[in-house]
Amino acid sequence: MIRGIGTDLCRISRMKNATKNAHFVEKVFSPEEIAYANAQGDPARHFASAFAAKEALAKAGGWGVFGVGLRSSWVKRTQSGPVIVFDDNLARKFEEKDIAQCWLSLTHEGDFALAFVVLES
């Protein structure tokens, strides 16, 4: 059963400007996300998709991004595609809402990064 759906669109040029601030990067992104983005040819593109994923997850869960914090989840790149990883606090919220699976899709086009999240019991 679907428990929530969320999507978010992030302008890559906006993220390029925001990530010039090291404090912003460390406050929003996990060390894994930072290392991955910085290893790519266009880091802002990957920061933007990770940011959109955090926002889409918050919308899907119905708790809002400030309800759990931006560092409570992070995007991990795997051989089968990107997945969202959660801290213990967010994992408890998933248990409370009977969420057993989180699906993530990311895409980039032009100056935009989009994330789509489906939460399932």
PDB file of N, CA and C in Angstrom:
ATOM      1  N   MET A   1       0.842  -1.176   0.000  1.00  0.00           N
ATOM      2  CA  MET A   1       0.000   0.000   0.000  1.00  0.00           C
ATOM      3  C   MET A   1       0.895   1.250   0.000  1.00  0.00           C
ATOM      4  N   ILE A   2       0.558   2.207  -0.821  1.00  0.00           N
ATOM      5  CA  ILE A   2       1.323   3.456  -0.867  1.00  0.00           C
ATOM      6  C   ILE A   2       0.957   4.309   0.338  1.00  0.00           C
ATOM      7  N   ARG A   3       1.967   4.768   1.051  1.00  0.00           N
ATOM      8  CA  ARG A   3       1.789   5.608   2.248  1.00  0.00           C
ATOM      9  C   ARG A   3       2.057   7.070   1.976  1.00  0.00           C
ATOM     10  N   GLY A   4       2.784   7.369   0.903  1.00  0.00           N
ATOM     11  CA  GLY A   4       3.067   8.761   0.576  1.00  0.00           C
ATOM     12  C   GLY A   4       3.820   8.885  -0.729  1.00  0.00           C
ATOM     13  N   ILE A   5       3.589  10.012  -1.403  1.00  0.00           N
ATOM     14  CA  ILE A   5       4.283  10.332  -2.646  1.00  0.00           C
ATOM     15  C   ILE A   5       4.774  11.769  -2.524  1.00  0.00           C
ATOM     16  N   GLY A   6       6.011  12.006  -2.935  1.00  0.00           N
ATOM     17  CA  GLY A   6       6.545  13.362  -2.899  1.00  0.00           C
ATOM     18  C   GLY A   6       7.467  13.608  -4.075  1.00  0.00           C
ATOM     19  N   THR A   7       7.490  14.830  -4.547  1.00  0.00           N
ATOM     20  CA  THR A   7       8.394  15.210  -5.627  1.00  0.00           C
ATOM     21  C   THR A   7       8.958  16.592  -5.327  1.00  0.00           C
ATOM     22  N   ASP A   8      10.136  16.863  -5.855  1.00  0.00           N
ATOM     23  CA  ASP A   8      10.720  18.183  -5.687  1.00  0.00           C
ATOM     24  C   ASP A   8      11.617  18.483  -6.875  1.00  0.00           C
ATOM     25  N   LEU A   9      11.637  19.746  -7.253  1.00  0.00           N
ATOM     26  CA  LEU A   9      12.432  20.243  -8.359  1.00  0.00           C
ATOM     27  C   LEU A   9      13.402  21.275  -7.800  1.00  0.00           C
ATOM     28  N   CYS A  10      14.667  21.147  -8.140  1.00  0.00           N
ATOM     29  CA  CYS A  10      15.691  22.066  -7.634  1.00  0.00           C
ATOM     30  C   CYS A  10      16.484  22.630  -8.810  1.00  0.00           C
ATOM     31  N   ARG A  11      16.641  23.934  -8.831  1.00  0.00           N
ATOM     32  CA  ARG A  11      17.414  24.591  -9.886  1.00  0.00           C
ATOM     33  C   ARG A  11      18.906  24.377  -9.603  1.00  0.00           C
ATOM     34  N   ILE A  12      19.601  23.812 -10.551  1.00  0.00           N
ATOM     35  CA  ILE A  12      21.017  23.494 -10.384  1.00  0.00           C
ATOM     36  C   ILE A  12      21.846  24.760 -10.212  1.00  0.00           C
ATOM     37  N   SER A  13      21.537  25.816 -10.943  1.00  0.00           N
ATOM     38  CA  SER A  13      22.295  27.066 -10.805  1.00  0.00           C
ATOM     39  C   SER A  13      22.132  27.657  -9.406  1.00  0.00           C
ATOM     40  N   ARG A  14      20.967  27.494  -8.817  1.00  0.00           N
ATOM     41  CA  ARG A  14      20.750  27.958  -7.435  1.00  0.00           C
ATOM     42  C   ARG A  14      21.634  27.175  -6.464  1.00  0.00           C
ATOM     43  N   MET A  15      21.709  25.853  -6.690  1.00  0.00           N
ATOM     44  CA  MET A  15      22.532  25.013  -5.825  1.00  0.00           C
ATOM     45  C   MET A  15      24.017  25.315  -6.027  1.00  0.00           C
ATOM     46  N   LYS A  16      24.398  25.662  -7.257  1.00  0.00           N
ATOM     47  CA  LYS A  16      25.795  26.010  -7.520  1.00  0.00           C
ATOM     48  C   LYS A  16      26.203  27.214  -6.674  1.00  0.00           C
ATOM     49  N   ASN A  17      25.333  28.203  -6.586  1.00  0.00           N
ATOM     50  CA  ASN A  17      25.619  29.374  -5.748  1.00  0.00           C
ATOM     51  C   ASN A  17      25.604  29.010  -4.267  1.00  0.00           C
ATOM     52  N   ALA A  18      24.633  28.227  -3.847  1.00  0.00           N
ATOM     53  CA  ALA A  18      24.504  27.863  -2.428  1.00  0.00           C
ATOM     54  C   ALA A  18      25.691  27.045  -1.942  1.00  0.00           C
ATOM     55  N   THR A  19      26.215  26.168  -2.796  1.00  0.00           N
ATOM     56  CA  THR A  19      27.298  25.281  -2.364  1.00  0.00           C
ATOM     57  C   THR A  19      28.671  25.967  -2.365  1.00  0.00           C
ATOM     58  N   LYS A  20      28.711  27.227  -2.704  1.00  0.00           N
ATOM     59  CA  LYS A  20      29.948  28.006  -2.535  1.00  0.00           C
ATOM     60  C   LYS A  20      30.193  28.273  -1.051  1.00  0.00           C
ATOM     61  N   ASN A  21      29.136  28.131  -0.253  1.00  0.00           N
ATOM     62  CA  ASN A  21      29.193  28.335   1.193  1.00  0.00           C
ATOM     63  C   ASN A  21      29.425  26.979   1.867  1.00  0.00           C
ATOM     64  N   ALA A  22      30.625  26.782   2.402  1.00  0.00           N
ATOM     65  CA  ALA A  22      30.981  25.501   3.023  1.00  0.00           C
ATOM     66  C   ALA A  22      30.064  25.162   4.201  1.00  0.00           C
ATOM     67  N   HIS A  23      29.640  26.170   4.957  1.00  0.00           N
ATOM     68  CA  HIS A  23      28.745  25.931   6.091  1.00  0.00           C
ATOM     69  C   HIS A  23      27.415  25.336   5.603  1.00  0.00           C
ATOM     70  N   PHE A  24      26.881  25.866   4.526  1.00  0.00           N
ATOM     71  CA  PHE A  24      25.645  25.331   3.951  1.00  0.00           C
ATOM     72  C   PHE A  24      25.824  23.866   3.560  1.00  0.00           C
ATOM     73  N   VAL A  25      26.904  23.577   2.869  1.00  0.00           N
ATOM     74  CA  VAL A  25      27.160  22.208   2.401  1.00  0.00           C
ATOM     75  C   VAL A  25      27.233  21.250   3.583  1.00  0.00           C
ATOM     76  N   GLU A  26      27.973  21.606   4.622  1.00  0.00           N
ATOM     77  CA  GLU A  26      28.136  20.720   5.781  1.00  0.00           C
ATOM     78  C   GLU A  26      26.853  20.592   6.595  1.00  0.00           C
ATOM     79  N   LYS A  27      26.014  21.624   6.574  1.00  0.00           N
ATOM     80  CA  LYS A  27      24.764  21.593   7.329  1.00  0.00           C
ATOM     81  C   LYS A  27      23.699  20.740   6.641  1.00  0.00           C
ATOM     82  N   VAL A  28      23.731  20.704   5.308  1.00  0.00           N
ATOM     83  CA  VAL A  28      22.673  20.061   4.544  1.00  0.00           C
ATOM     84  C   VAL A  28      23.029  18.643   4.090  1.00  0.00           C
ATOM     85  N   PHE A  29      24.274  18.423   3.708  1.00  0.00           N
ATOM     86  CA  PHE A  29      24.649  17.166   3.060  1.00  0.00           C
ATOM     87  C   PHE A  29      25.534  16.295   3.949  1.00  0.00           C
ATOM     88  N   SER A  30      25.402  14.988   3.756  1.00  0.00           N
ATOM     89  CA  SER A  30      26.228  14.031   4.490  1.00  0.00           C
ATOM     90  C   SER A  30      27.626  13.993   3.880  1.00  0.00           C
ATOM     91  N   PRO A  31      28.608  13.500   4.619  1.00  0.00           N
ATOM     92  CA  PRO A  31      29.952  13.356   4.042  1.00  0.00           C
ATOM     93  C   PRO A  31      29.949  12.511   2.768  1.00  0.00           C
ATOM     94  N   GLU A  32      29.113  11.487   2.725  1.00  0.00           N
ATOM     95  CA  GLU A  32      29.018  10.630   1.540  1.00  0.00           C
ATOM     96  C   GLU A  32      28.484  11.413   0.330  1.00  0.00           C
ATOM     97  N   GLU A  33      27.449  12.237   0.556  1.00  0.00           N
ATOM     98  CA  GLU A  33      26.897  13.042  -0.531  1.00  0.00           C
ATOM     99  C   GLU A  33      27.913  14.068  -1.029  1.00  0.00           C
ATOM    100  N   ILE A  34      28.643  14.666  -0.096  1.00  0.00           N
ATOM    101  CA  ILE A  34      29.653  15.673  -0.453  1.00  0.00           C
ATOM    102  C   ILE A  34      30.759  15.033  -1.283  1.00  0.00           C
ATOM    103  N   ALA A  35      31.257  13.889  -0.830  1.00  0.00           N
ATOM    104  CA  ALA A  35      32.335  13.210  -1.554  1.00  0.00           C
ATOM    105  C   ALA A  35      31.875  12.804  -2.950  1.00  0.00           C
ATOM    106  N   TYR A  36      30.666  12.276  -3.055  1.00  0.00           N
ATOM    107  CA  TYR A  36      30.158  11.850  -4.354  1.00  0.00           C
ATOM    108  C   TYR A  36      30.031  13.047  -5.303  1.00  0.00           C
ATOM    109  N   ALA A  37      29.379  14.104  -4.854  1.00  0.00           N
ATOM    110  CA  ALA A  37      29.157  15.273  -5.711  1.00  0.00           C
ATOM    111  C   ALA A  37      30.478  15.892  -6.154  1.00  0.00           C
ATOM    112  N   ASN A  38      31.411  16.029  -5.216  1.00  0.00           N
ATOM    113  CA  ASN A  38      32.691  16.663  -5.538  1.00  0.00           C
ATOM    114  C   ASN A  38      33.555  15.819  -6.476  1.00  0.00           C
ATOM    115  N   ALA A  39      33.267  14.538  -6.575  1.00  0.00           N
ATOM    116  CA  ALA A  39      34.024  13.662  -7.472  1.00  0.00           C
ATOM    117  C   ALA A  39      33.466  13.697  -8.901  1.00  0.00           C
ATOM    118  N   GLN A  40      32.339  14.381  -9.100  1.00  0.00           N
ATOM    119  CA  GLN A  40      31.695  14.441 -10.403  1.00  0.00           C
ATOM    120  C   GLN A  40      32.130  15.703 -11.162  1.00  0.00           C
ATOM    121  N   GLY A  41      31.911  15.704 -12.450  1.00  0.00           N
ATOM    122  CA  GLY A  41      32.285  16.840 -13.289  1.00  0.00           C
ATOM    123  C   GLY A  41      31.516  18.110 -12.966  1.00  0.00           C
ATOM    124  N   ASP A  42      30.258  17.975 -12.549  1.00  0.00           N
ATOM    125  CA  ASP A  42      29.415  19.120 -12.192  1.00  0.00           C
ATOM    126  C   ASP A  42      28.792  18.858 -10.823  1.00  0.00           C
ATOM    127  N   PRO A  43      29.524  19.165  -9.746  1.00  0.00           N
ATOM    128  CA  PRO A  43      29.021  18.847  -8.403  1.00  0.00           C
ATOM    129  C   PRO A  43      27.642  19.431  -8.106  1.00  0.00           C
ATOM    130  N   ALA A  44      27.353  20.636  -8.575  1.00  0.00           N
ATOM    131  CA  ALA A  44      26.069  21.275  -8.270  1.00  0.00           C
ATOM    132  C   ALA A  44      24.892  20.439  -8.742  1.00  0.00           C
ATOM    133  N   ARG A  45      25.054  19.769  -9.843  1.00  0.00           N
ATOM    134  CA  ARG A  45      24.003  18.912 -10.387  1.00  0.00           C
ATOM    135  C   ARG A  45      23.645  17.798  -9.400  1.00  0.00           C
ATOM    136  N   HIS A  46      24.647  17.239  -8.763  1.00  0.00           N
ATOM    137  CA  HIS A  46      24.438  16.131  -7.829  1.00  0.00           C
ATOM    138  C   HIS A  46      23.996  16.626  -6.453  1.00  0.00           C
ATOM    139  N   PHE A  47      24.496  17.786  -6.037  1.00  0.00           N
ATOM    140  CA  PHE A  47      23.979  18.393  -4.812  1.00  0.00           C
ATOM    141  C   PHE A  47      22.498  18.722  -4.983  1.00  0.00           C
ATOM    142  N   ALA A  48      22.125  19.245  -6.148  1.00  0.00           N
ATOM    143  CA  ALA A  48      20.730  19.612  -6.399  1.00  0.00           C
ATOM    144  C   ALA A  48      19.813  18.393  -6.350  1.00  0.00           C
ATOM    145  N   SER A  49      20.233  17.287  -6.928  1.00  0.00           N
ATOM    146  CA  SER A  49      19.374  16.093  -6.902  1.00  0.00           C
ATOM    147  C   SER A  49      19.270  15.525  -5.489  1.00  0.00           C
ATOM    148  N   ALA A  50      20.356  15.580  -4.719  1.00  0.00           N
ATOM    149  CA  ALA A  50      20.299  15.106  -3.327  1.00  0.00           C
ATOM    150  C   ALA A  50      19.381  15.995  -2.493  1.00  0.00           C
ATOM    151  N   PHE A  51      19.458  17.306  -2.719  1.00  0.00           N
ATOM    152  CA  PHE A  51      18.592  18.239  -2.001  1.00  0.00           C
ATOM    153  C   PHE A  51      17.127  17.980  -2.360  1.00  0.00           C
ATOM    154  N   ALA A  52      16.858  17.801  -3.644  1.00  0.00           N
ATOM    155  CA  ALA A  52      15.494  17.520  -4.085  1.00  0.00           C
ATOM    156  C   ALA A  52      14.982  16.217  -3.471  1.00  0.00           C
ATOM    157  N   ALA A  53      15.856  15.228  -3.324  1.00  0.00           N
ATOM    158  CA  ALA A  53      15.453  13.953  -2.714  1.00  0.00           C
ATOM    159  C   ALA A  53      15.041  14.150  -1.258  1.00  0.00           C
ATOM    160  N   LYS A  54      15.787  14.972  -0.517  1.00  0.00           N
ATOM    161  CA  LYS A  54      15.439  15.240   0.883  1.00  0.00           C
ATOM    162  C   LYS A  54      14.072  15.916   0.983  1.00  0.00           C
ATOM    163  N   GLU A  55      13.834  16.886   0.099  1.00  0.00           N
ATOM    164  CA  GLU A  55      12.555  17.603   0.073  1.00  0.00           C
ATOM    165  C   GLU A  55      11.415  16.668  -0.329  1.00  0.00           C
ATOM    166  N   ALA A  56      11.627  15.854  -1.356  1.00  0.00           N
ATOM    167  CA  ALA A  56      10.585  14.930  -1.819  1.00  0.00           C
ATOM    168  C   ALA A  56      10.241  13.915  -0.730  1.00  0.00           C
ATOM    169  N   LEU A  57      11.241  13.441  -0.007  1.00  0.00           N
ATOM    170  CA  LEU A  57      10.997  12.499   1.087  1.00  0.00           C
ATOM    171  C   LEU A  57      10.164  13.159   2.189  1.00  0.00           C
ATOM    172  N   ALA A  58      10.500  14.391   2.534  1.00  0.00           N
ATOM    173  CA  ALA A  58       9.754  15.105   3.574  1.00  0.00           C
ATOM    174  C   ALA A  58       8.292  15.302   3.161  1.00  0.00           C
ATOM    175  N   LYS A  59       8.070  15.587   1.890  1.00  0.00           N
ATOM    176  CA  LYS A  59       6.702  15.742   1.385  1.00  0.00           C
ATOM    177  C   LYS A  59       5.963  14.413   1.402  1.00  0.00           C
ATOM    178  N   ALA A  60       6.625  13.360   0.973  1.00  0.00           N
ATOM    179  CA  ALA A  60       5.994  12.038   0.953  1.00  0.00           C
ATOM    180  C   ALA A  60       5.617  11.583   2.354  1.00  0.00           C
ATOM    181  N   GLY A  61       6.472  11.886   3.320  1.00  0.00           N
ATOM    182  CA  GLY A  61       6.213  11.478   4.697  1.00  0.00           C
ATOM    183  C   GLY A  61       5.223  12.361   5.418  1.00  0.00           C
ATOM    184  N   GLY A  62       5.007  13.565   4.881  1.00  0.00           N
ATOM    185  CA  GLY A  62       4.056  14.481   5.503  1.00  0.00           C
ATOM    186  C   GLY A  62       4.585  15.187   6.728  1.00  0.00           C
ATOM    187  N   TRP A  63       5.893  15.092   6.996  1.00  0.00           N
ATOM    188  CA  TRP A  63       6.435  15.717   8.192  1.00  0.00           C
ATOM    189  C   TRP A  63       7.200  16.994   7.881  1.00  0.00           C
ATOM    190  N   GLY A  64       7.426  17.301   6.635  1.00  0.00           N
ATOM    191  CA  GLY A  64       8.139  18.524   6.266  1.00  0.00           C
ATOM    192  C   GLY A  64       9.627  18.385   6.517  1.00  0.00           C
ATOM    193  N   VAL A  65      10.396  19.131   5.765  1.00  0.00           N
ATOM    194  CA  VAL A  65      11.854  19.013   5.841  1.00  0.00           C
ATOM    195  C   VAL A  65      12.392  19.435   7.209  1.00  0.00           C
ATOM    196  N   PHE A  66      11.752  20.408   7.849  1.00  0.00           N
ATOM    197  CA  PHE A  66      12.241  20.847   9.157  1.00  0.00           C
ATOM    198  C   PHE A  66      11.716  19.975  10.285  1.00  0.00           C
ATOM    199  N   GLY A  67      10.745  19.113   9.972  1.00  0.00           N
ATOM    200  CA  GLY A  67      10.228  18.172  10.958  1.00  0.00           C
ATOM    201  C   GLY A  67      11.219  17.082  11.314  1.00  0.00           C
ATOM    202  N   VAL A  68      12.130  16.785  10.394  1.00  0.00           N
ATOM    203  CA  VAL A  68      13.133  15.747  10.649  1.00  0.00           C
ATOM    204  C   VAL A  68      14.559  16.238  10.433  1.00  0.00           C
ATOM    205  N   GLY A  69      14.719  17.354   9.757  1.00  0.00           N
ATOM    206  CA  GLY A  69      16.055  17.890   9.505  1.00  0.00           C
ATOM    207  C   GLY A  69      16.638  17.405   8.188  1.00  0.00           C
ATOM    208  N   LEU A  70      17.460  18.227   7.596  1.00  0.00           N
ATOM    209  CA  LEU A  70      18.038  17.915   6.295  1.00  0.00           C
ATOM    210  C   LEU A  70      19.097  16.816   6.353  1.00  0.00           C
ATOM    211  N   ARG A  71      19.694  16.606   7.508  1.00  0.00           N
ATOM    212  CA  ARG A  71      20.738  15.571   7.608  1.00  0.00           C
ATOM    213  C   ARG A  71      20.201  14.233   8.115  1.00  0.00           C
ATOM    214  N   SER A  72      18.871  14.115   8.251  1.00  0.00           N
ATOM    215  CA  SER A  72      18.293  12.861   8.738  1.00  0.00           C
ATOM    216  C   SER A  72      18.232  11.798   7.640  1.00  0.00           C
ATOM    217  N   SER A  73      18.417  12.236   6.403  1.00  0.00           N
ATOM    218  CA  SER A  73      18.441  11.289   5.283  1.00  0.00           C
ATOM    219  C   SER A  73      19.512  11.741   4.301  1.00  0.00           C
ATOM    220  N   TRP A  74      20.002  10.793   3.522  1.00  0.00           N
ATOM    221  CA  TRP A  74      20.983  11.134   2.508  1.00  0.00           C
ATOM    222  C   TRP A  74      20.882  10.148   1.364  1.00  0.00           C
ATOM    223  N   VAL A  75      21.343  10.608   0.202  1.00  0.00           N
ATOM    224  CA  VAL A  75      21.293   9.790  -1.006  1.00  0.00           C
ATOM    225  C   VAL A  75      22.581   8.997  -1.118  1.00  0.00           C
ATOM    226  N   LYS A  76      22.418   7.707  -1.300  1.00  0.00           N
ATOM    227  CA  LYS A  76      23.563   6.815  -1.511  1.00  0.00           C
ATOM    228  C   LYS A  76      23.443   6.268  -2.928  1.00  0.00           C
ATOM    229  N   ARG A  77      24.516   6.358  -3.664  1.00  0.00           N
ATOM    230  CA  ARG A  77      24.522   5.816  -5.028  1.00  0.00           C
ATOM    231  C   ARG A  77      24.955   4.359  -4.964  1.00  0.00           C
ATOM    232  N   THR A  78      24.157   3.474  -5.569  1.00  0.00           N
ATOM    233  CA  THR A  78      24.469   2.051  -5.598  1.00  0.00           C
ATOM    234  C   THR A  78      24.505   1.591  -7.053  1.00  0.00           C
ATOM    235  N   GLN A  79      24.947   0.375  -7.274  1.00  0.00           N
ATOM    236  CA  GLN A  79      24.995  -0.162  -8.641  1.00  0.00           C
ATOM    237  C   GLN A  79      23.604  -0.256  -9.262  1.00  0.00           C
ATOM    238  N   SER A  80      22.582  -0.421  -8.433  1.00  0.00           N
ATOM    239  CA  SER A  80      21.218  -0.531  -8.957  1.00  0.00           C
ATOM    240  C   SER A  80      20.495   0.813  -8.969  1.00  0.00           C
ATOM    241  N   GLY A  81      21.194   1.893  -8.622  1.00  0.00           N
ATOM    242  CA  GLY A  81      20.595   3.226  -8.641  1.00  0.00           C
ATOM    243  C   GLY A  81      20.659   3.884  -7.278  1.00  0.00           C
ATOM    244  N   PRO A  82      20.185   5.122  -7.196  1.00  0.00           N
ATOM    245  CA  PRO A  82      20.243   5.841  -5.926  1.00  0.00           C
ATOM    246  C   PRO A  82      19.193   5.331  -4.937  1.00  0.00           C
ATOM    247  N   VAL A  83      19.559   5.340  -3.669  1.00  0.00           N
ATOM    248  CA  VAL A  83      18.631   4.986  -2.590  1.00  0.00           C
ATOM    249  C   VAL A  83      18.758   6.037  -1.495  1.00  0.00           C
ATOM    250  N   ILE A  84      17.735   6.117  -0.670  1.00  0.00           N
ATOM    251  CA  ILE A  84      17.775   7.040   0.468  1.00  0.00           C
ATOM    252  C   ILE A  84      18.113   6.237   1.716  1.00  0.00           C
ATOM    253  N   VAL A  85      19.064   6.733   2.478  1.00  0.00           N
ATOM    254  CA  VAL A  85      19.475   6.130   3.749  1.00  0.00           C
ATOM    255  C   VAL A  85      18.976   7.052   4.857  1.00  0.00           C
ATOM    256  N   PHE A  86      18.613   6.470   6.009  1.00  0.00           N
ATOM    257  CA  PHE A  86      17.993   7.229   7.093  1.00  0.00           C
ATOM    258  C   PHE A  86      18.759   7.098   8.398  1.00  0.00           C
ATOM    259  N   ASP A  87      18.693   8.152   9.209  1.00  0.00           N
ATOM    260  CA  ASP A  87      19.241   8.046  10.557  1.00  0.00           C
ATOM    261  C   ASP A  87      18.201   7.345  11.445  1.00  0.00           C
ATOM    262  N   ASP A  88      18.554   7.083  12.695  1.00  0.00           N
ATOM    263  CA  ASP A  88      17.671   6.338  13.599  1.00  0.00           C
ATOM    264  C   ASP A  88      16.360   7.066  13.871  1.00  0.00           C
ATOM    265  N   ASN A  89      16.407   8.397  13.993  1.00  0.00           N
ATOM    266  CA  ASN A  89      15.203   9.182  14.259  1.00  0.00           C
ATOM    267  C   ASN A  89      14.190   9.030  13.123  1.00  0.00           C
ATOM    268  N   LEU A  90      14.653   9.140  11.910  1.00  0.00           N
ATOM    269  CA  LEU A  90      13.757   9.007  10.765  1.00  0.00           C
ATOM    270  C   LEU A  90      13.287   7.563  10.610  1.00  0.00           C
ATOM    271  N   ALA A  91      14.129   6.612  10.909  1.00  0.00           N
ATOM    272  CA  ALA A  91      13.727   5.201  10.856  1.00  0.00           C
ATOM    273  C   ALA A  91      12.569   4.940  11.821  1.00  0.00           C
ATOM    274  N   ARG A  92      12.594   5.591  12.999  1.00  0.00           N
ATOM    275  CA  ARG A  92      11.487   5.448  13.953  1.00  0.00           C
ATOM    276  C   ARG A  92      10.195   6.035  13.385  1.00  0.00           C
ATOM    277  N   LYS A  93      10.305   7.172  12.698  1.00  0.00           N
ATOM    278  CA  LYS A  93       9.121   7.766  12.068  1.00  0.00           C
ATOM    279  C   LYS A  93       8.536   6.814  11.017  1.00  0.00           C
ATOM    280  N   PHE A  94       9.415   6.142  10.290  1.00  0.00           N
ATOM    281  CA  PHE A  94       8.962   5.175   9.294  1.00  0.00           C
ATOM    282  C   PHE A  94       8.198   4.041   9.982  1.00  0.00           C
ATOM    283  N   GLU A  95       8.723   3.552  11.094  1.00  0.00           N
ATOM    284  CA  GLU A  95       8.045   2.482  11.831  1.00  0.00           C
ATOM    285  C   GLU A  95       6.681   2.943  12.323  1.00  0.00           C
ATOM    286  N   GLU A  96       6.611   4.176  12.864  1.00  0.00           N
ATOM    287  CA  GLU A  96       5.348   4.718  13.369  1.00  0.00           C
ATOM    288  C   GLU A  96       4.297   4.809  12.273  1.00  0.00           C
ATOM    289  N   LYS A  97       4.714   5.104  11.054  1.00  0.00           N
ATOM    290  CA  LYS A  97       3.784   5.254   9.932  1.00  0.00           C
ATOM    291  C   LYS A  97       3.654   3.961   9.118  1.00  0.00           C
ATOM    292  N   ASP A  98       4.242   2.883   9.604  1.00  0.00           N
ATOM    293  CA  ASP A  98       4.186   1.583   8.924  1.00  0.00           C
ATOM    294  C   ASP A  98       4.769   1.654   7.509  1.00  0.00           C
ATOM    295  N   ILE A  99       5.887   2.361   7.372  1.00  0.00           N
ATOM    296  CA  ILE A  99       6.560   2.471   6.075  1.00  0.00           C
ATOM    297  C   ILE A  99       7.685   1.443   6.042  1.00  0.00           C
ATOM    298  N   ALA A 100       7.623   0.564   5.067  1.00  0.00           N
ATOM    299  CA  ALA A 100       8.614  -0.503   4.962  1.00  0.00           C
ATOM    300  C   ALA A 100       9.570  -0.307   3.793  1.00  0.00           C
ATOM    301  N   GLN A 101       9.164   0.488   2.797  1.00  0.00           N
ATOM    302  CA  GLN A 101       9.975   0.645   1.596  1.00  0.00           C
ATOM    303  C   GLN A 101       9.929   2.101   1.126  1.00  0.00           C
ATOM    304  N   CYS A 102      11.070   2.576   0.666  1.00  0.00           N
ATOM    305  CA  CYS A 102      11.177   3.924   0.108  1.00  0.00           C
ATOM    306  C   CYS A 102      11.779   3.806  -1.286  1.00  0.00           C
ATOM    307  N   TRP A 103      11.050   4.285  -2.276  1.00  0.00           N
ATOM    308  CA  TRP A 103      11.508   4.256  -3.658  1.00  0.00           C
ATOM    309  C   TRP A 103      11.939   5.661  -4.063  1.00  0.00           C
ATOM    310  N   LEU A 104      13.065   5.761  -4.766  1.00  0.00           N
ATOM    311  CA  LEU A 104      13.611   7.059  -5.172  1.00  0.00           C
ATOM    312  C   LEU A 104      13.974   7.034  -6.641  1.00  0.00           C
ATOM    313  N   SER A 105      13.585   8.094  -7.337  1.00  0.00           N
ATOM    314  CA  SER A 105      14.007   8.289  -8.717  1.00  0.00           C
ATOM    315  C   SER A 105      14.552   9.713  -8.838  1.00  0.00           C
ATOM    316  N   LEU A 106      15.716   9.852  -9.473  1.00  0.00           N
ATOM    317  CA  LEU A 106      16.344  11.158  -9.694  1.00  0.00           C
ATOM    318  C   LEU A 106      16.549  11.373 -11.185  1.00  0.00           C
ATOM    319  N   THR A 107      16.429  12.621 -11.622  1.00  0.00           N
ATOM    320  CA  THR A 107      16.722  12.953 -13.005  1.00  0.00           C
ATOM    321  C   THR A 107      17.221  14.389 -13.089  1.00  0.00           C
ATOM    322  N   HIS A 108      17.940  14.670 -14.160  1.00  0.00           N
ATOM    323  CA  HIS A 108      18.474  16.011 -14.419  1.00  0.00           C
ATOM    324  C   HIS A 108      18.143  16.382 -15.855  1.00  0.00           C
ATOM    325  N   GLU A 109      17.814  17.626 -16.066  1.00  0.00           N
ATOM    326  CA  GLU A 109      17.594  18.137 -17.425  1.00  0.00           C
ATOM    327  C   GLU A 109      17.855  19.634 -17.406  1.00  0.00           C
ATOM    328  N   GLY A 110      18.760  20.059 -18.249  1.00  0.00           N
ATOM    329  CA  GLY A 110      19.074  21.491 -18.305  1.00  0.00           C
ATOM    330  C   GLY A 110      19.514  21.994 -16.941  1.00  0.00           C
ATOM    331  N   ASP A 111      18.823  22.993 -16.430  1.00  0.00           N
ATOM    332  CA  ASP A 111      19.171  23.616 -15.156  1.00  0.00           C
ATOM    333  C   ASP A 111      18.365  23.050 -13.987  1.00  0.00           C
ATOM    334  N   PHE A 112      17.754  21.880 -14.174  1.00  0.00           N
ATOM    335  CA  PHE A 112      16.898  21.340 -13.122  1.00  0.00           C
ATOM    336  C   PHE A 112      17.270  19.913 -12.735  1.00  0.00           C
ATOM    337  N   ALA A 113      17.101  19.633 -11.450  1.00  0.00           N
ATOM    338  CA  ALA A 113      17.212  18.285 -10.906  1.00  0.00           C
ATOM    339  C   ALA A 113      15.863  17.977 -10.259  1.00  0.00           C
ATOM    340  N   LEU A 114      15.365  16.777 -10.488  1.00  0.00           N
ATOM    341  CA  LEU A 114      14.070  16.388  -9.948  1.00  0.00           C
ATOM    342  C   LEU A 114      14.209  15.078  -9.184  1.00  0.00           C
ATOM    343  N   ALA A 115      13.509  14.999  -8.068  1.00  0.00           N
ATOM    344  CA  ALA A 115      13.457  13.768  -7.283  1.00  0.00           C
ATOM    345  C   ALA A 115      12.002  13.376  -7.089  1.00  0.00           C
ATOM    346  N   PHE A 116      11.758  12.085  -7.129  1.00  0.00           N
ATOM    347  CA  PHE A 116      10.418  11.526  -6.912  1.00  0.00           C
ATOM    348  C   PHE A 116      10.553  10.399  -5.901  1.00  0.00           C
ATOM    349  N   VAL A 117       9.731  10.453  -4.854  1.00  0.00           N
ATOM    350  CA  VAL A 117       9.789   9.459  -3.770  1.00  0.00           C
ATOM    351  C   VAL A 117       8.409   8.837  -3.566  1.00  0.00           C
ATOM    352  N   VAL A 118       8.400   7.528  -3.415  1.00  0.00           N
ATOM    353  CA  VAL A 118       7.178   6.800  -3.049  1.00  0.00           C
ATOM    354  C   VAL A 118       7.492   6.012  -1.786  1.00  0.00           C
ATOM    355  N   LEU A 119       6.618   6.163  -0.793  1.00  0.00           N
ATOM    356  CA  LEU A 119       6.732   5.408   0.459  1.00  0.00           C
ATOM    357  C   LEU A 119       5.663   4.335   0.467  1.00  0.00           C
ATOM    358  N   GLU A 120       6.054   3.127   0.845  1.00  0.00           N
ATOM    359  CA  GLU A 120       5.156   1.984   0.759  1.00  0.00           C
ATOM    360  C   GLU A 120       5.202   1.170   2.046  1.00  0.00           C
ATOM    361  N   SER A 121       4.035   0.619   2.427  1.00  0.00           N
ATOM    362  CA  SER A 121       4.016  -0.256   3.612  1.00  0.00           C
ATOM    363  C   SER A 121       4.173  -1.692   3.185  1.00  0.00           C
TER     364      SER A 121
END
